[in-house]
C-alpha atoms as a PDB file:
ATOM      1  CA  MET A   1      21.500   6.712  -3.966  1.00  0.00           C
ATOM      2  CA  TYR A   2      23.820   7.215  -1.339  1.00  0.00           C
ATOM      3  CA  PHE A   3      22.679  10.007   0.389  1.00  0.00           C
ATOM      4  CA  CYS A   4      20.502   8.142   2.890  1.00  0.00           C
ATOM      5  CA  ASN A   5      20.487   8.673   6.166  1.00  0.00           C
ATOM      6  CA  GLN A   6      22.129   6.292   8.901  1.00  0.00           C
ATOM      7  CA  THR A   7      18.608   4.447   9.396  1.00  0.00           C
ATOM      8  CA  LEU A   8      18.981   2.874   6.196  1.00  0.00           C
ATOM      9  CA  ASN A   9      22.119   1.563   6.734  1.00  0.00           C
ATOM     10  CA  ASN A  10      21.321   0.640  10.583  1.00  0.00           C
ATOM     11  CA  TYR A  11      18.498  -1.358   8.952  1.00  0.00           C
ATOM     12  CA  LEU A  12      21.042  -3.333   5.922  1.00  0.00           C
ATOM     13  CA  VAL A  13      22.886  -4.382   8.434  1.00  0.00           C
ATOM     14  CA  ARG A  14      20.380  -5.501  10.932  1.00  0.00           C
ATOM     15  CA  THR A  15      18.197  -7.807   8.935  1.00  0.00           C
ATOM     16  CA  LYS A  16      21.023  -9.001   7.394  1.00  0.00           C
ATOM     17  CA  GLU A  17      22.272 -10.216  11.278  1.00  0.00           C
ATOM     18  CA  GLU A  18      19.464 -10.920  12.945  1.00  0.00           C
ATOM     19  CA  ASP A  19      16.472 -11.101  10.476  1.00  0.00           C
ATOM     20  CA  GLY A  20      18.089 -13.605   7.619  1.00  0.00           C
ATOM     21  CA  ILE A  21      15.613 -12.180   5.198  1.00  0.00           C
ATOM     22  CA  MET A  22      16.639 -13.647   1.697  1.00  0.00           C
ATOM     23  CA  CYS A  23      15.558 -12.828  -1.642  1.00  0.00           C
ATOM     24  CA  THR A  24      13.345 -15.933  -2.197  1.00  0.00           C
ATOM     25  CA  SER A  25      10.929 -13.342  -0.509  1.00  0.00           C
ATOM     26  CA  LEU A  26      10.809 -11.339  -3.599  1.00  0.00           C
ATOM     27  CA  ARG A  27      10.750 -14.264  -6.083  1.00  0.00           C
ATOM     28  CA  LYS A  28       8.014 -15.875  -4.323  1.00  0.00           C
ATOM     29  CA  ILE A  29       5.447 -12.759  -4.957  1.00  0.00           C
ATOM     30  CA  ILE A  30       7.025 -11.829  -8.245  1.00  0.00           C
ATOM     31  CA  GLY A  31       3.369 -12.004 -10.538  1.00  0.00           C
ATOM     32  CA  LYS A  32       0.832 -12.437  -7.511  1.00  0.00           C
ATOM     33  CA  SER A  33      -1.843 -10.955  -7.703  1.00  0.00           C
ATOM     34  CA  PRO A  34      -3.838  -9.213  -4.382  1.00  0.00           C
ATOM     35  CA  GLU A  35      -5.913 -11.938  -4.197  1.00  0.00           C
ATOM     36  CA  GLU A  36      -3.262 -14.477  -4.288  1.00  0.00           C
ATOM     37  CA  ILE A  37      -1.435 -12.559  -1.567  1.00  0.00           C
ATOM     38  CA  LEU A  38      -3.928 -12.276   0.850  1.00  0.00           C
ATOM     39  CA  SER A  39      -4.826 -16.197   0.203  1.00  0.00           C
ATOM     40  CA  ILE A  40      -1.055 -17.368   0.774  1.00  0.00           C
ATOM     41  CA  THR A  41      -1.335 -14.912   3.660  1.00  0.00           C
ATOM     42  CA  GLY A  42      -4.576 -16.095   5.201  1.00  0.00           C
ATOM     43  CA  GLN A  43      -5.882 -12.603   4.751  1.00  0.00           C
ATOM     44  CA  THR A  44      -8.874 -13.139   2.471  1.00  0.00           C
ATOM     45  CA  THR A  45     -11.508 -12.888   5.138  1.00  0.00           C
ATOM     46  CA  SER A  46     -10.068 -10.333   7.595  1.00  0.00           C
ATOM     47  CA  ILE A  47     -11.849  -6.898   7.900  1.00  0.00           C
ATOM     48  CA  PRO A  48      -9.752  -5.134   7.537  1.00  0.00           C
ATOM     49  CA  VAL A  49      -6.604  -6.527   6.321  1.00  0.00           C
ATOM     50  CA  ASP A  50      -3.655  -7.084   8.717  1.00  0.00           C
ATOM     51  CA  ILE A  51      -1.316  -5.724   6.399  1.00  0.00           C
ATOM     52  CA  SER A  52       1.709  -5.716   9.308  1.00  0.00           C
ATOM     53  CA  ALA A  53       0.453 -10.030   9.180  1.00  0.00           C
ATOM     54  CA  ILE A  54       1.063  -9.714   5.398  1.00  0.00           C
ATOM     55  CA  LEU A  55       4.397  -8.164   5.322  1.00  0.00           C
ATOM     56  CA  HIS A  56       5.527 -10.816   8.444  1.00  0.00           C
ATOM     57  CA  LYS A  57       4.139 -13.758   6.160  1.00  0.00           C
ATOM     58  CA  LEU A  58       6.011 -13.156   3.702  1.00  0.00           C
ATOM     59  CA  GLU A  59       8.950 -12.157   5.170  1.00  0.00           C
ATOM     60  CA  ILE A  60       9.459  -8.465   4.494  1.00  0.00           C
ATOM     61  CA  SER A  61      10.534  -6.341   6.980  1.00  0.00           C
ATOM     62  CA  GLU A  62       8.366  -3.256   7.682  1.00  0.00           C
ATOM     63  CA  ILE A  63       9.949  -0.137   8.727  1.00  0.00           C
ATOM     64  CA  GLU A  64       8.997   3.407  10.843  1.00  0.00           C
ATOM     65  CA  MET A  65      10.857   5.886   9.514  1.00  0.00           C
ATOM     66  CA  ASP A  66      11.000  10.170   9.474  1.00  0.00           C
ATOM     67  CA  PHE A  67      12.126  11.242   5.898  1.00  0.00           C
ATOM     68  CA  THR A  68      12.771  14.495   6.989  1.00  0.00           C
ATOM     69  CA  GLU A  69      16.592  14.839   6.130  1.00  0.00           C
ATOM     70  CA  MET A  70      16.253  12.579   3.143  1.00  0.00           C
ATOM     71  CA  GLU A  71      13.108  15.236   1.988  1.00  0.00           C
ATOM     72  CA  GLN A  72      15.675  17.915   2.186  1.00  0.00           C
ATOM     73  CA  ALA A  73      18.056  16.478   0.490  1.00  0.00           C
ATOM     74  CA  LEU A  74      15.799  15.353  -2.379  1.00  0.00           C
ATOM     75  CA  PHE A  75      13.367  18.194  -2.796  1.00  0.00           C
ATOM     76  CA  SER A  76      15.236  21.742  -1.086  1.00  0.00           C
ATOM     77  CA  GLN A  77      14.345  23.419  -4.130  1.00  0.00           C
ATOM     78  CA  TYR A  78      10.509  22.767  -3.113  1.00  0.00           C
ATOM     79  CA  GLU A  79       8.911  24.993  -0.479  1.00  0.00           C
ATOM     80  CA  ASN A  80       6.743  21.986   0.483  1.00  0.00           C
ATOM     81  CA  THR A  81       9.814  19.027   1.683  1.00  0.00           C
ATOM     82  CA  ASP A  82       6.664  16.810   3.321  1.00  0.00           C
ATOM     83  CA  SER A  83       6.672  14.564  -0.049  1.00  0.00           C
ATOM     84  CA  ILE A  84       7.590  11.040   0.816  1.00  0.00           C
ATOM     85  CA  SER A  85       5.024   8.775   1.861  1.00  0.00           C
ATOM     86  CA  GLY A  86       7.242   5.497   2.220  1.00  0.00           C
ATOM     87  CA  MET A  87       9.924   3.416  -0.211  1.00  0.00           C
ATOM     88  CA  VAL A  88      11.074  -0.320  -0.111  1.00  0.00           C
ATOM     89  CA  LEU A  89      14.407  -1.112  -0.400  1.00  0.00           C
ATOM     90  CA  PHE A  90      16.214  -4.072  -1.757  1.00  0.00           C
ATOM     91  CA  SER A  91      20.088  -4.513  -0.967  1.00  0.00           C
ATOM     92  CA  GLU A  92      21.723  -7.711  -1.030  1.00  0.00           C
ATOM     93  CA  ASP A  93      19.307 -10.076   0.854  1.00  0.00           C
ATOM     94  CA  ASN A  94      17.326  -8.336   2.689  1.00  0.00           C
ATOM     95  CA  ILE A  95      13.656  -6.085   1.550  1.00  0.00           C
ATOM     96  CA  GLY A  96      12.152  -3.653   3.590  1.00  0.00           C
ATOM     97  CA  ILE A  97       9.141  -1.173   3.158  1.00  0.00           C
ATOM     98  CA  PHE A  98       9.243   1.771   4.829  1.00  0.00           C
ATOM     99  CA  TYR A  99       6.609   3.871   5.499  1.00  0.00           C
ATOM    100  CA  ASN A 100       5.896   7.574   6.828  1.00  0.00           C
ATOM    101  CA  LYS A 101       5.934   7.881  10.507  1.00  0.00           C
ATOM    102  CA  LYS A 102       4.200  11.264  10.619  1.00  0.00           C
ATOM    103  CA  ASP A 103       1.268  10.210   8.050  1.00  0.00           C
ATOM    104  CA  GLY A 104      -2.262   8.786   9.676  1.00  0.00           C
ATOM    105  CA  ILE A 105      -2.690   5.034   9.585  1.00  0.00           C
ATOM    106  CA  ASN A 106      -4.529   4.929   6.298  1.00  0.00           C
ATOM    107  CA  ARG A 107      -1.841   6.624   4.356  1.00  0.00           C
ATOM    108  CA  GLN A 108       0.248   4.146   6.253  1.00  0.00           C
ATOM    109  CA  ARG A 109      -1.174   1.556   5.790  1.00  0.00           C
ATOM    110  CA  PHE A 110      -1.802   2.303   1.330  1.00  0.00           C
ATOM    111  CA  THR A 111       1.213   3.244   1.603  1.00  0.00           C
ATOM    112  CA  ILE A 112       2.631  -0.081   2.366  1.00  0.00           C
ATOM    113  CA  ALA A 113      -0.233  -1.982  -0.047  1.00  0.00           C
ATOM    114  CA  HIS A 114       1.394  -0.141  -2.923  1.00  0.00           C
ATOM    115  CA  GLU A 115       5.079  -0.454  -2.069  1.00  0.00           C
ATOM    116  CA  LEU A 116       4.300  -4.449  -1.680  1.00  0.00           C
ATOM    117  CA  ALA A 117       2.801  -3.933  -5.173  1.00  0.00           C
ATOM    118  CA  HIS A 118       5.847  -2.767  -6.755  1.00  0.00           C
ATOM    119  CA  CYS A 119       7.343  -5.938  -5.301  1.00  0.00           C
ATOM    120  CA  CYS A 120       4.568  -8.252  -6.951  1.00  0.00           C
ATOM    121  CA  LEU A 121       4.401  -6.079 -10.305  1.00  0.00           C
ATOM    122  CA  ASN A 122       7.810  -5.085 -10.963  1.00  0.00           C
ATOM    123  CA  GLY A 123       9.831  -7.351  -8.902  1.00  0.00           C
ATOM    124  CA  ASN A 124      11.956  -8.820 -12.196  1.00  0.00           C
ATOM    125  CA  GLU A 125      13.075  -5.261 -13.149  1.00  0.00           C
ATOM    126  CA  LEU A 126      14.303  -4.192  -9.821  1.00  0.00           C
ATOM    127  CA  GLU A 127      18.247  -4.248  -9.239  1.00  0.00           C
ATOM    128  CA  ASP A 128      20.053  -4.334  -5.776  1.00  0.00           C
ATOM    129  CA  ASN A 129      20.238  -1.383  -3.813  1.00  0.00           C
ATOM    130  CA  TYR A 130      17.437  -0.339  -5.422  1.00  0.00           C
ATOM    131  CA  ILE A 131      15.051   2.315  -3.666  1.00  0.00           C
ATOM    132  CA  GLU A 132      11.852   2.759  -5.114  1.00  0.00           C
ATOM    133  CA  PHE A 133      10.020   6.058  -3.432  1.00  0.00           C
ATOM    134  CA  ARG A 134       6.081   7.073  -2.738  1.00  0.00           C
ATOM    135  CA  GLN A 135       5.444  10.344  -2.987  1.00  0.00           C
ATOM    136  CA  LYS A 136       2.370  12.096  -2.133  1.00  0.00           C
ATOM    137  CA  ILE A 137       1.761  14.047  -5.119  1.00  0.00           C
ATOM    138  CA  ILE A 138      -0.549  12.326  -7.932  1.00  0.00           C
ATOM    139  CA  SER A 139       0.997  10.633 -10.667  1.00  0.00           C
ATOM    140  CA  ASP A 140      -0.693   9.484 -13.581  1.00  0.00           C
ATOM    141  CA  ASP A 141       2.729   6.902 -14.210  1.00  0.00           C
ATOM    142  CA  LYS A 142       1.045   3.442 -15.055  1.00  0.00           C
ATOM    143  CA  ARG A 143       3.215   1.810 -12.861  1.00  0.00           C
ATOM    144  CA  GLU A 144       2.363   4.084  -9.923  1.00  0.00           C
ATOM    145  CA  VAL A 145      -1.452   3.838 -11.259  1.00  0.00           C
ATOM    146  CA  ALA A 146      -1.390   0.089 -11.372  1.00  0.00           C
ATOM    147  CA  ALA A 147       0.368  -0.304  -7.853  1.00  0.00           C
ATOM    148  CA  ASN A 148      -2.332   1.567  -6.620  1.00  0.00           C
ATOM    149  CA  THR A 149      -4.781  -0.296  -7.977  1.00  0.00           C
ATOM    150  CA  PHE A 150      -2.849  -3.385  -7.126  1.00  0.00           C
ATOM    151  CA  ALA A 151      -2.583  -1.800  -3.092  1.00  0.00           C
ATOM    152  CA  GLY A 152      -7.061  -0.915  -2.821  1.00  0.00           C
ATOM    153  CA  ARG A 153      -7.171  -4.772  -4.255  1.00  0.00           C
ATOM    154  CA  LEU A 154      -5.503  -6.146  -1.042  1.00  0.00           C
ATOM    155  CA  LEU A 155      -6.685  -3.476   1.737  1.00  0.00           C
ATOM    156  CA  ILE A 156     -10.466  -4.334   0.460  1.00  0.00           C
ATOM    157  CA  PRO A 157     -11.068  -7.547  -1.125  1.00  0.00           C
ATOM    158  CA  GLU A 158     -14.060  -7.530  -3.220  1.00  0.00           C
ATOM    159  CA  GLN A 159     -15.987 -10.309  -1.353  1.00  0.00           C
ATOM    160  CA  SER A 160     -15.126  -8.619   2.019  1.00  0.00           C
ATOM    161  CA  LEU A 161     -16.313  -5.131   0.571  1.00  0.00           C
ATOM    162  CA  LYS A 162     -19.779  -6.451  -0.549  1.00  0.00           C
ATOM    163  CA  LYS A 163     -20.516  -8.995   2.625  1.00  0.00           C
ATOM    164  CA  VAL A 164     -19.901  -5.633   4.273  1.00  0.00           C
ATOM    165  CA  TYR A 165     -22.113  -3.442   2.077  1.00  0.00           C
ATOM    166  CA  GLU A 166     -24.838  -5.751   2.263  1.00  0.00           C
ATOM    167  CA  GLN A 167     -25.398  -5.284   5.865  1.00  0.00           C
ATOM    168  CA  LEU A 168     -25.854  -1.350   5.564  1.00  0.00           C
ATOM    169  CA  THR A 169     -29.015   0.239   4.981  1.00  0.00           C
ATOM    170  CA  ILE A 170     -27.162   2.969   2.986  1.00  0.00           C
ATOM    171  CA  PRO A 171     -23.829   2.494   1.861  1.00  0.00           C
ATOM    172  CA  VAL A 172     -22.316   5.869   2.993  1.00  0.00           C
ATOM    173  CA  VAL A 173     -18.584   5.838   1.513  1.00  0.00           C
ATOM    174  CA  ASP A 174     -17.656   7.220   5.028  1.00  0.00           C
ATOM    175  CA  SER A 175     -18.910   4.369   7.079  1.00  0.00           C
ATOM    176  CA  LEU A 176     -17.239   2.232   4.362  1.00  0.00           C
ATOM    177  CA  ALA A 177     -13.834   3.667   4.438  1.00  0.00           C
ATOM    178  CA  LYS A 178     -13.462   4.053   8.506  1.00  0.00           C
ATOM    179  CA  ILE A 179     -14.573  -0.072   8.509  1.00  0.00           C
ATOM    180  CA  PHE A 180     -11.505  -0.901   5.931  1.00  0.00           C
ATOM    181  CA  LEU A 181      -9.200   1.181   7.664  1.00  0.00           C
ATOM    182  CA  VAL A 182      -8.327   3.319   4.189  1.00  0.00           C
ATOM    183  CA  SER A 183      -9.287   7.011   3.012  1.00  0.00           C
ATOM    184  CA  ARG A 184     -12.486   8.038   1.309  1.00  0.00           C
ATOM    185  CA  SER A 185     -11.158   8.516  -2.160  1.00  0.00           C
ATOM    186  CA  VAL A 186      -8.931   5.158  -2.146  1.00  0.00           C
ATOM    187  CA  MET A 187     -12.872   3.552  -1.110  1.00  0.00           C
ATOM    188  CA  LYS A 188     -14.467   5.756  -3.744  1.00  0.00           C
ATOM    189  CA  GLU A 189     -12.498   4.505  -6.217  1.00  0.00           C
ATOM    190  CA  ARG A 190     -12.504   0.786  -5.189  1.00  0.00           C
ATOM    191  CA  LEU A 191     -16.073   1.330  -5.381  1.00  0.00           C
ATOM    192  CA  LYS A 192     -15.998   2.904  -8.855  1.00  0.00           C
ATOM    193  CA  MET A 193     -13.900   0.067 -10.044  1.00  0.00           C
ATOM    194  CA  LEU A 194     -16.981  -2.552  -8.673  1.00  0.00           C
ATOM    195  CA  ASN A 195     -19.498  -0.445 -10.103  1.00  0.00           C
ATOM    196  CA  MET A 196     -21.003  -0.067  -7.006  1.00  0.00           C
ATOM    197  CA  ASP A 197     -23.196   2.754  -5.869  1.00  0.00           C
ATOM    198  CA  TYR A 198     -22.614   4.588  -2.702  1.00  0.00           C
ATOM    199  CA  PHE A 199     -23.814   8.087  -0.734  1.00  0.00           C
ATOM    200  CA  ASP A 200     -21.172  10.232  -0.691  1.00  0.00           C
ATOM    201  CA  THR A 201     -21.639  12.591   2.320  1.00  0.00           C
ATOM    202  CA  GLU A 202     -19.859  15.872   0.870  1.00  0.00           C
ATOM    203  CA  LEU A 203     -21.814  15.728  -2.063  1.00  0.00           C
ATOM    204  CA  ASN A 204     -24.676  14.546  -0.148  1.00  0.00           C
ATOM    205  CA  ARG A 205     -26.385  12.551  -2.578  1.00  0.00           C
ATOM    206  CA  MET A 206     -25.840   9.136  -3.807  1.00  0.00           C
ATOM    207  CA  ILE A 207     -23.383   8.241  -6.501  1.00  0.00           C
ATOM    208  CA  ILE A 208     -25.145   5.510  -9.169  1.00  0.00           C
ATOM    209  CA  PHE A 209     -23.393   3.448 -11.689  1.00  0.00           C
ATOM    210  CA  GLY A 210     -26.096   1.928 -13.537  1.00  0.00           C
ATOM    211  CA  GLU A 211     -25.135  -1.610 -13.176  1.00  0.00           C
ATOM    212  CA  ASP A 212     -26.177  -4.321 -10.563  1.00  0.00           C
ATOM    213  CA  TRP A 213     -22.605  -5.580  -9.060  1.00  0.00           C
ATOM    214  CA  TYR A 214     -24.393  -8.502  -7.473  1.00  0.00           C
ATOM    215  CA  ALA A 215     -25.820  -9.387 -11.089  1.00  0.00           C
END
């Protein structure tokens, strides 16, 4: 895709000349699980997980971007063009994860984790000059679902979640989401995956999965 604005071109030149990021960064993480990424970057026990520190350790550039121009070029036929959350770009010796500067901190963190997931899960399939977009629409594509699951495990490590959970008198999903700097929906999915009951303030009741996660 060659419609990309000057920000991308500047990034490719800058990273090659200044940062020296090599594609060995991608080769090192292909096939790695979220838990392995947390371990090799020293974030296993961090609450919340420092996603920027993870990228720095992995030698992957993190770039804030205004996607307005790109959205207008791609989605001009739709009324709502505010649809790109982020993307990961591979070109020559550079790897960059871009996130939408207009999004809130929770969405930005999840977008970065989601794009990192594509590097780990689909790195062998990605070619030079490949651009992977993350849109704000809900997708049932298997790759996107897998990347979302990976991102949830990365941002909400199981042992850290259980540690915090045990300290709460009532496990309110909103409180847990704030602690881990994720959205309510992401936290709810993570709790569901681990069969951990929680109190939903919107429904004003406990959500019970009928299974002891600590057994």
